[in-house]
């Protein structure tokens, strides 16, 4: 069941060395990026981007949206697989305990028992993670380069 995202929007303001996030109680502004609640599966927050001022910003927003979709897709799949595999592991481990004849009924696994699953899960998906991080790095280099171009364009355009 997908929970409908309620946009009691957050406003993000950056100042040197700080990131301020506050809840908006009024109309949506087209001058700032707005951050929504996290997706229940991927845990990635959607962003409503402000209106672009020029073509360079429009290209930046398109690339940011593509990166957001890439991250959302990867983490939705990864988190879904993780939840399914974890549930199977817990069920299998508890049934093995019951078959071994433990005296008291066991409902939960300890952190040490779950750490076996975590290690196994990460080892099995090492290739997927490595591919994801390689693509993530490439996307971030492209974003950084485009952001630098946009900032330089805005700086030069404001001085005229």
N, C-alpha and C. Protein backbone atom coordinates (compact mmCIF):
# COMPACT_ATOMS: atom_id res chain seq x y z
N UNK A 1 0.85 -1.18 0.00
CA UNK A 1 0.00 0.00 0.00
C UNK A 1 0.89 1.23 0.00
N UNK A 2 0.69 2.09 -0.95
CA UNK A 2 1.49 3.29 -1.07
C UNK A 2 0.78 4.43 -0.35
N UNK A 3 1.49 5.07 0.55
CA UNK A 3 0.93 6.19 1.30
C UNK A 3 1.03 7.43 0.44
N UNK A 4 -0.07 8.17 0.31
CA UNK A 4 -0.04 9.40 -0.47
C UNK A 4 0.86 10.42 0.22
N UNK A 5 1.76 10.99 -0.55
CA UNK A 5 2.70 11.97 0.01
C UNK A 5 1.94 13.25 0.34
N UNK A 6 2.04 13.67 1.55
CA UNK A 6 1.40 14.92 1.99
C UNK A 6 2.48 15.99 1.99
N UNK A 7 2.29 16.97 1.16
CA UNK A 7 3.29 18.03 1.02
C UNK A 7 3.01 19.16 1.98
N UNK A 8 3.29 18.95 3.27
CA UNK A 8 3.32 20.07 4.20
C UNK A 8 4.74 20.59 4.07
N UNK A 9 5.01 21.16 2.97
CA UNK A 9 6.34 21.35 2.41
C UNK A 9 7.37 21.97 3.34
N UNK A 10 8.61 21.60 3.03
CA UNK A 10 9.74 22.14 3.75
C UNK A 10 10.49 23.09 2.84
N UNK A 11 10.94 24.18 3.37
CA UNK A 11 11.73 25.13 2.60
C UNK A 11 13.19 24.96 3.01
N UNK A 12 14.04 24.84 2.01
CA UNK A 12 15.46 24.66 2.28
C UNK A 12 16.18 25.96 1.95
N UNK A 13 16.91 26.47 2.90
CA UNK A 13 17.69 27.69 2.70
C UNK A 13 19.14 27.39 3.03
N UNK A 14 20.03 27.73 2.13
CA UNK A 14 21.45 27.50 2.38
C UNK A 14 22.12 28.83 2.67
N UNK A 15 22.90 28.82 3.71
CA UNK A 15 23.76 29.95 4.03
C UNK A 15 25.14 29.36 4.27
N UNK A 16 26.19 30.15 4.23
CA UNK A 16 27.53 29.58 4.40
C UNK A 16 27.63 28.69 5.63
N UNK A 17 27.90 27.42 5.39
CA UNK A 17 28.09 26.47 6.48
C UNK A 17 26.81 25.97 7.13
N UNK A 18 25.66 26.37 6.65
CA UNK A 18 24.40 25.97 7.30
C UNK A 18 23.37 25.56 6.25
N UNK A 19 22.47 24.73 6.66
CA UNK A 19 21.33 24.35 5.85
C UNK A 19 20.11 24.49 6.74
N UNK A 20 19.22 25.39 6.40
CA UNK A 20 18.03 25.64 7.21
C UNK A 20 16.83 25.01 6.53
N UNK A 21 16.07 24.22 7.28
CA UNK A 21 14.85 23.62 6.76
C UNK A 21 13.71 24.04 7.66
N UNK A 22 12.68 24.62 7.08
CA UNK A 22 11.53 24.99 7.88
C UNK A 22 10.26 24.62 7.13
N UNK A 23 9.22 24.37 7.89
CA UNK A 23 7.96 23.97 7.29
C UNK A 23 7.24 25.21 6.76
N UNK A 24 6.69 25.06 5.55
CA UNK A 24 5.94 26.15 4.95
C UNK A 24 4.48 26.03 5.34
N UNK A 25 3.88 27.15 5.68
CA UNK A 25 2.47 27.14 6.05
C UNK A 25 1.62 27.93 5.06
N UNK A 26 2.24 28.45 4.02
CA UNK A 26 1.50 29.29 3.08
C UNK A 26 1.51 28.71 1.68
N UNK A 27 1.37 29.59 0.72
CA UNK A 27 1.34 29.18 -0.68
C UNK A 27 2.73 28.73 -1.13
N UNK A 28 2.74 27.87 -2.11
CA UNK A 28 4.00 27.37 -2.65
C UNK A 28 4.66 28.47 -3.46
N UNK A 29 5.92 28.72 -3.16
CA UNK A 29 6.67 29.75 -3.86
C UNK A 29 7.39 29.15 -5.05
N UNK A 30 7.47 29.88 -6.14
CA UNK A 30 8.20 29.38 -7.30
C UNK A 30 9.65 29.88 -7.27
N UNK A 31 10.06 30.50 -6.16
CA UNK A 31 11.42 31.02 -6.06
C UNK A 31 12.35 30.10 -5.28
N UNK A 32 11.83 29.06 -4.67
CA UNK A 32 12.66 28.16 -3.85
C UNK A 32 12.33 26.71 -4.16
N UNK A 33 13.32 25.85 -3.95
CA UNK A 33 13.08 24.41 -4.04
C UNK A 33 12.33 23.96 -2.79
N UNK A 34 11.39 23.05 -2.97
CA UNK A 34 10.60 22.54 -1.86
C UNK A 34 10.83 21.05 -1.73
N UNK A 35 11.02 20.60 -0.50
CA UNK A 35 11.33 19.20 -0.21
C UNK A 35 10.10 18.55 0.41
N UNK A 36 9.71 17.40 -0.13
CA UNK A 36 8.53 16.69 0.37
C UNK A 36 8.91 15.60 1.34
N UNK A 37 7.92 14.88 1.84
CA UNK A 37 8.19 13.79 2.79
C UNK A 37 8.86 12.62 2.06
N UNK A 38 9.63 11.80 2.79
CA UNK A 38 10.33 10.70 2.13
C UNK A 38 9.37 9.64 1.59
N UNK A 39 9.76 9.04 0.48
CA UNK A 39 9.01 7.94 -0.09
C UNK A 39 9.04 6.77 0.88
N UNK A 40 7.92 6.07 1.09
CA UNK A 40 7.91 4.98 2.08
C UNK A 40 8.82 3.81 1.72
N UNK A 41 9.13 3.60 0.45
CA UNK A 41 9.96 2.46 0.06
C UNK A 41 11.43 2.86 -0.11
N UNK A 42 11.67 3.91 -0.91
CA UNK A 42 13.05 4.29 -1.21
C UNK A 42 13.67 5.21 -0.16
N UNK A 43 12.85 5.85 0.63
CA UNK A 43 13.29 6.83 1.64
C UNK A 43 13.95 8.05 1.01
N UNK A 44 13.71 8.29 -0.28
CA UNK A 44 14.24 9.45 -0.98
C UNK A 44 13.15 10.52 -0.97
N UNK A 45 13.53 11.73 -0.60
CA UNK A 45 12.55 12.83 -0.55
C UNK A 45 12.38 13.45 -1.94
N UNK A 46 11.13 13.62 -2.39
CA UNK A 46 10.91 14.30 -3.66
C UNK A 46 11.16 15.81 -3.52
N UNK A 47 11.55 16.42 -4.62
CA UNK A 47 11.85 17.85 -4.61
C UNK A 47 11.03 18.52 -5.69
N UNK A 48 10.32 19.58 -5.32
CA UNK A 48 9.66 20.43 -6.30
C UNK A 48 10.61 21.60 -6.54
N UNK A 49 11.15 21.64 -7.73
CA UNK A 49 12.16 22.64 -8.05
C UNK A 49 11.52 23.97 -8.41
N UNK A 50 12.22 25.03 -8.06
CA UNK A 50 11.72 26.36 -8.41
C UNK A 50 11.79 26.55 -9.92
N UNK A 51 11.12 27.53 -10.41
CA UNK A 51 11.11 27.79 -11.85
C UNK A 51 12.50 28.21 -12.31
N UNK A 52 13.00 27.58 -13.38
CA UNK A 52 14.34 27.95 -13.87
C UNK A 52 14.33 29.35 -14.48
N UNK A 53 15.44 30.06 -14.28
CA UNK A 53 15.55 31.42 -14.81
C UNK A 53 16.12 31.46 -16.21
N UNK A 54 16.81 30.38 -16.63
CA UNK A 54 17.44 30.38 -17.95
C UNK A 54 17.62 28.94 -18.42
N UNK A 55 18.18 28.79 -19.62
CA UNK A 55 18.35 27.45 -20.20
C UNK A 55 19.33 26.61 -19.41
N UNK A 56 20.36 27.23 -18.86
CA UNK A 56 21.35 26.48 -18.08
C UNK A 56 20.70 25.89 -16.83
N UNK A 57 19.86 26.67 -16.16
CA UNK A 57 19.15 26.16 -14.98
C UNK A 57 18.16 25.07 -15.37
N UNK A 58 17.51 25.24 -16.53
CA UNK A 58 16.56 24.23 -17.01
C UNK A 58 17.30 22.89 -17.23
N UNK A 59 18.48 22.95 -17.81
CA UNK A 59 19.28 21.73 -18.03
C UNK A 59 19.71 21.13 -16.69
N UNK A 60 20.07 21.99 -15.74
CA UNK A 60 20.46 21.51 -14.41
C UNK A 60 19.28 20.81 -13.73
N UNK A 61 18.10 21.41 -13.79
CA UNK A 61 16.92 20.80 -13.18
C UNK A 61 16.59 19.46 -13.83
N UNK A 62 16.75 19.38 -15.15
CA UNK A 62 16.49 18.11 -15.85
C UNK A 62 17.47 17.04 -15.38
N UNK A 63 18.75 17.39 -15.28
CA UNK A 63 19.75 16.42 -14.82
C UNK A 63 19.50 16.03 -13.37
N UNK A 64 19.14 17.00 -12.51
CA UNK A 64 18.83 16.68 -11.12
C UNK A 64 17.64 15.73 -11.03
N UNK A 65 16.65 15.95 -11.87
CA UNK A 65 15.46 15.07 -11.88
C UNK A 65 15.84 13.66 -12.34
N UNK A 66 16.71 13.57 -13.34
CA UNK A 66 17.17 12.26 -13.81
C UNK A 66 17.94 11.53 -12.71
N UNK A 67 18.79 12.25 -11.99
CA UNK A 67 19.55 11.64 -10.90
C UNK A 67 18.60 11.20 -9.79
N UNK A 68 17.59 12.04 -9.49
CA UNK A 68 16.62 11.67 -8.46
C UNK A 68 15.89 10.38 -8.85
N UNK A 69 15.48 10.28 -10.12
CA UNK A 69 14.78 9.06 -10.58
C UNK A 69 15.70 7.84 -10.50
N UNK A 70 16.97 8.02 -10.87
CA UNK A 70 17.94 6.94 -10.79
C UNK A 70 18.08 6.45 -9.35
N UNK A 71 18.27 7.40 -8.41
CA UNK A 71 18.40 7.04 -6.99
C UNK A 71 17.12 6.39 -6.47
N UNK A 72 15.99 6.97 -6.79
CA UNK A 72 14.70 6.44 -6.33
C UNK A 72 14.50 5.01 -6.83
N UNK A 73 14.77 4.77 -8.09
CA UNK A 73 14.59 3.44 -8.67
C UNK A 73 15.51 2.43 -7.98
N UNK A 74 16.79 2.78 -7.86
CA UNK A 74 17.74 1.85 -7.25
C UNK A 74 17.35 1.53 -5.81
N UNK A 75 17.08 2.56 -5.00
CA UNK A 75 16.81 2.32 -3.59
C UNK A 75 15.45 1.69 -3.35
N UNK A 76 14.49 1.92 -4.23
CA UNK A 76 13.20 1.22 -4.11
C UNK A 76 13.41 -0.28 -4.30
N UNK A 77 14.16 -0.63 -5.35
CA UNK A 77 14.43 -2.06 -5.58
C UNK A 77 15.27 -2.65 -4.46
N UNK A 78 16.32 -1.95 -4.06
CA UNK A 78 17.23 -2.46 -3.04
C UNK A 78 16.50 -2.66 -1.71
N UNK A 79 15.72 -1.68 -1.29
CA UNK A 79 15.00 -1.77 -0.02
C UNK A 79 13.93 -2.86 -0.05
N UNK A 80 13.26 -3.02 -1.20
CA UNK A 80 12.26 -4.09 -1.33
C UNK A 80 12.92 -5.46 -1.22
N UNK A 81 14.04 -5.64 -1.94
CA UNK A 81 14.77 -6.91 -1.85
C UNK A 81 15.24 -7.16 -0.43
N UNK A 82 15.75 -6.12 0.20
CA UNK A 82 16.26 -6.25 1.57
C UNK A 82 15.15 -6.71 2.51
N UNK A 83 14.00 -6.05 2.44
CA UNK A 83 12.89 -6.41 3.32
C UNK A 83 12.42 -7.85 3.10
N UNK A 84 12.32 -8.27 1.84
CA UNK A 84 11.89 -9.65 1.54
C UNK A 84 12.91 -10.66 2.04
N UNK A 85 14.18 -10.41 1.74
CA UNK A 85 15.23 -11.35 2.16
C UNK A 85 15.34 -11.41 3.68
N UNK A 86 15.18 -10.28 4.33
CA UNK A 86 15.27 -10.25 5.80
C UNK A 86 14.12 -11.05 6.41
N UNK A 87 12.92 -10.87 5.87
CA UNK A 87 11.77 -11.61 6.39
C UNK A 87 11.97 -13.12 6.20
N UNK A 88 12.48 -13.52 5.03
CA UNK A 88 12.75 -14.94 4.79
C UNK A 88 13.82 -15.47 5.73
N UNK A 89 14.87 -14.70 5.95
CA UNK A 89 15.94 -15.11 6.84
C UNK A 89 15.44 -15.29 8.28
N UNK A 90 14.64 -14.34 8.74
CA UNK A 90 14.10 -14.43 10.10
C UNK A 90 13.20 -15.65 10.23
N UNK A 91 12.33 -15.84 9.25
CA UNK A 91 11.41 -16.98 9.29
C UNK A 91 12.19 -18.30 9.29
N UNK A 92 13.19 -18.39 8.42
CA UNK A 92 13.99 -19.61 8.33
C UNK A 92 14.76 -19.87 9.63
N UNK A 93 15.37 -18.84 10.19
CA UNK A 93 16.16 -18.99 11.42
C UNK A 93 15.27 -19.37 12.59
N UNK A 94 14.11 -18.74 12.71
CA UNK A 94 13.20 -19.08 13.81
C UNK A 94 12.66 -20.51 13.67
N UNK A 95 12.37 -20.92 12.44
CA UNK A 95 11.88 -22.30 12.27
C UNK A 95 12.98 -23.31 12.59
N UNK A 96 14.24 -22.99 12.26
CA UNK A 96 15.35 -23.88 12.62
C UNK A 96 15.49 -23.98 14.13
N UNK A 97 15.30 -22.87 14.82
CA UNK A 97 15.37 -22.88 16.29
C UNK A 97 14.29 -23.77 16.88
N UNK A 98 13.06 -23.64 16.32
CA UNK A 98 11.95 -24.44 16.83
C UNK A 98 12.22 -25.93 16.62
N UNK A 99 12.82 -26.27 15.48
CA UNK A 99 13.12 -27.67 15.19
C UNK A 99 14.22 -28.22 16.10
N UNK A 100 15.11 -27.33 16.55
CA UNK A 100 16.18 -27.76 17.44
C UNK A 100 15.68 -27.95 18.87
N UNK A 101 14.45 -27.55 19.13
CA UNK A 101 13.82 -27.80 20.42
C UNK A 101 14.20 -26.82 21.52
N UNK A 102 14.23 -25.54 21.20
CA UNK A 102 14.45 -24.53 22.25
C UNK A 102 13.29 -24.57 23.23
N UNK A 103 13.59 -24.38 24.51
CA UNK A 103 12.57 -24.47 25.55
C UNK A 103 11.55 -23.34 25.46
N UNK A 104 12.04 -22.15 25.31
CA UNK A 104 11.12 -21.01 25.29
C UNK A 104 10.86 -20.58 23.86
N UNK A 105 9.64 -20.12 23.56
CA UNK A 105 9.34 -19.68 22.19
C UNK A 105 10.12 -18.40 21.86
N UNK A 106 10.77 -18.41 20.72
CA UNK A 106 11.59 -17.28 20.31
C UNK A 106 10.82 -16.48 19.25
N UNK A 107 10.65 -15.21 19.49
CA UNK A 107 9.92 -14.35 18.57
C UNK A 107 10.84 -13.43 17.77
N UNK A 108 12.03 -13.14 18.33
CA UNK A 108 12.93 -12.19 17.69
C UNK A 108 14.33 -12.78 17.58
N UNK A 109 15.10 -12.19 16.67
CA UNK A 109 16.50 -12.56 16.55
C UNK A 109 17.34 -11.49 17.23
N UNK A 110 18.50 -11.89 17.70
CA UNK A 110 19.41 -10.91 18.32
C UNK A 110 20.14 -10.14 17.23
N UNK A 111 20.79 -9.08 17.64
CA UNK A 111 21.56 -8.26 16.70
C UNK A 111 22.69 -9.07 16.08
N UNK A 112 23.32 -9.94 16.85
CA UNK A 112 24.39 -10.78 16.31
C UNK A 112 23.87 -11.74 15.25
N UNK A 113 22.70 -12.29 15.47
CA UNK A 113 22.12 -13.20 14.48
C UNK A 113 21.74 -12.46 13.20
N UNK A 114 21.21 -11.26 13.36
CA UNK A 114 20.87 -10.46 12.18
C UNK A 114 22.10 -9.97 11.44
N UNK A 115 23.22 -9.79 12.15
CA UNK A 115 24.44 -9.32 11.49
C UNK A 115 24.92 -10.34 10.46
N UNK A 116 24.64 -11.61 10.69
CA UNK A 116 24.98 -12.64 9.70
C UNK A 116 24.21 -12.38 8.41
N UNK A 117 22.92 -12.06 8.55
CA UNK A 117 22.11 -11.75 7.37
C UNK A 117 22.62 -10.50 6.67
N UNK A 118 22.91 -9.43 7.43
CA UNK A 118 23.37 -8.17 6.82
C UNK A 118 24.64 -8.39 6.01
N UNK A 119 25.59 -9.12 6.57
CA UNK A 119 26.84 -9.39 5.87
C UNK A 119 26.58 -10.20 4.60
N UNK A 120 25.76 -11.22 4.71
CA UNK A 120 25.43 -12.07 3.57
C UNK A 120 24.74 -11.25 2.47
N UNK A 121 23.80 -10.41 2.86
CA UNK A 121 23.05 -9.60 1.89
C UNK A 121 23.98 -8.65 1.15
N UNK A 122 24.85 -7.97 1.89
CA UNK A 122 25.78 -7.03 1.26
C UNK A 122 26.78 -7.74 0.36
N UNK A 123 27.27 -8.89 0.80
CA UNK A 123 28.23 -9.65 -0.03
C UNK A 123 27.59 -10.13 -1.33
N UNK A 124 26.34 -10.58 -1.26
CA UNK A 124 25.65 -11.06 -2.46
C UNK A 124 25.38 -9.93 -3.45
N UNK A 125 25.21 -8.73 -2.97
CA UNK A 125 24.87 -7.61 -3.84
C UNK A 125 26.02 -6.61 -4.02
N UNK A 126 27.21 -7.09 -3.80
CA UNK A 126 28.38 -6.22 -3.91
C UNK A 126 28.50 -5.63 -5.31
N UNK A 127 28.28 -6.44 -6.34
CA UNK A 127 28.37 -5.97 -7.72
C UNK A 127 27.35 -4.88 -8.03
N UNK A 128 26.11 -5.08 -7.55
CA UNK A 128 25.07 -4.07 -7.76
C UNK A 128 25.44 -2.77 -7.08
N UNK A 129 25.95 -2.86 -5.85
CA UNK A 129 26.34 -1.66 -5.10
C UNK A 129 27.49 -0.94 -5.80
N UNK A 130 28.48 -1.71 -6.28
CA UNK A 130 29.62 -1.09 -6.95
C UNK A 130 29.17 -0.38 -8.22
N UNK A 131 28.28 -1.00 -8.98
CA UNK A 131 27.76 -0.37 -10.19
C UNK A 131 26.98 0.89 -9.84
N UNK A 132 26.15 0.81 -8.81
CA UNK A 132 25.37 1.98 -8.38
C UNK A 132 26.30 3.13 -7.99
N UNK A 133 27.31 2.85 -7.18
CA UNK A 133 28.19 3.93 -6.73
C UNK A 133 29.01 4.52 -7.88
N UNK A 134 29.37 3.68 -8.86
CA UNK A 134 30.08 4.20 -10.02
C UNK A 134 29.17 5.17 -10.79
N UNK A 135 27.92 4.78 -11.03
CA UNK A 135 26.97 5.66 -11.72
C UNK A 135 26.67 6.89 -10.88
N UNK A 136 26.52 6.70 -9.57
CA UNK A 136 26.25 7.82 -8.66
C UNK A 136 27.37 8.85 -8.75
N UNK A 137 28.61 8.37 -8.76
CA UNK A 137 29.75 9.27 -8.85
C UNK A 137 29.74 10.03 -10.18
N UNK A 138 29.48 9.33 -11.26
CA UNK A 138 29.43 9.99 -12.58
C UNK A 138 28.32 11.04 -12.63
N UNK A 139 27.15 10.71 -12.07
CA UNK A 139 26.05 11.68 -12.04
C UNK A 139 26.44 12.91 -11.23
N UNK A 140 27.09 12.70 -10.10
CA UNK A 140 27.44 13.83 -9.26
C UNK A 140 28.52 14.69 -9.87
N UNK A 141 29.45 14.10 -10.61
CA UNK A 141 30.45 14.91 -11.32
C UNK A 141 29.75 15.75 -12.38
N UNK A 142 28.81 15.14 -13.13
CA UNK A 142 28.07 15.89 -14.14
C UNK A 142 27.24 17.00 -13.50
N UNK A 143 26.60 16.70 -12.37
CA UNK A 143 25.81 17.72 -11.68
C UNK A 143 26.69 18.87 -11.19
N UNK A 144 27.85 18.53 -10.64
CA UNK A 144 28.76 19.56 -10.13
C UNK A 144 29.23 20.45 -11.26
N UNK A 145 29.59 19.86 -12.40
CA UNK A 145 30.05 20.63 -13.53
C UNK A 145 28.94 21.56 -14.05
N UNK A 146 27.74 21.03 -14.17
CA UNK A 146 26.63 21.84 -14.66
C UNK A 146 26.26 22.93 -13.66
N UNK A 147 26.31 22.62 -12.38
CA UNK A 147 26.03 23.62 -11.35
C UNK A 147 27.06 24.74 -11.39
N UNK A 148 28.31 24.39 -11.60
CA UNK A 148 29.36 25.40 -11.73
C UNK A 148 29.09 26.31 -12.92
N UNK A 149 28.68 25.73 -14.03
CA UNK A 149 28.36 26.53 -15.21
C UNK A 149 27.17 27.47 -14.94
N UNK A 150 26.14 26.95 -14.25
CA UNK A 150 24.96 27.77 -13.94
C UNK A 150 25.35 28.92 -13.02
N UNK A 151 26.14 28.61 -11.97
CA UNK A 151 26.55 29.67 -11.03
C UNK A 151 27.39 30.72 -11.73
N UNK A 152 28.30 30.30 -12.60
CA UNK A 152 29.14 31.23 -13.33
C UNK A 152 28.30 32.09 -14.27
N UNK A 153 27.35 31.47 -14.96
CA UNK A 153 26.45 32.20 -15.84
C UNK A 153 25.64 33.23 -15.05
N UNK A 154 25.08 32.82 -13.92
CA UNK A 154 24.29 33.74 -13.09
C UNK A 154 25.15 34.88 -12.55
N UNK A 155 26.38 34.58 -12.17
CA UNK A 155 27.28 35.60 -11.65
C UNK A 155 27.60 36.62 -12.74
N UNK A 156 27.94 36.14 -13.93
CA UNK A 156 28.27 37.06 -15.04
C UNK A 156 27.04 37.81 -15.52
N UNK A 157 25.90 37.16 -15.54
CA UNK A 157 24.67 37.80 -16.01
C UNK A 157 24.22 38.90 -15.05
N UNK A 158 24.41 38.70 -13.75
CA UNK A 158 24.01 39.71 -12.75
C UNK A 158 24.89 40.95 -12.82
N UNK A 159 26.15 40.77 -13.23
CA UNK A 159 27.08 41.90 -13.25
C UNK A 159 26.80 42.82 -14.43
N UNK A 160 26.09 42.36 -15.44
CA UNK A 160 25.82 43.21 -16.63
C UNK A 160 24.67 44.14 -16.37
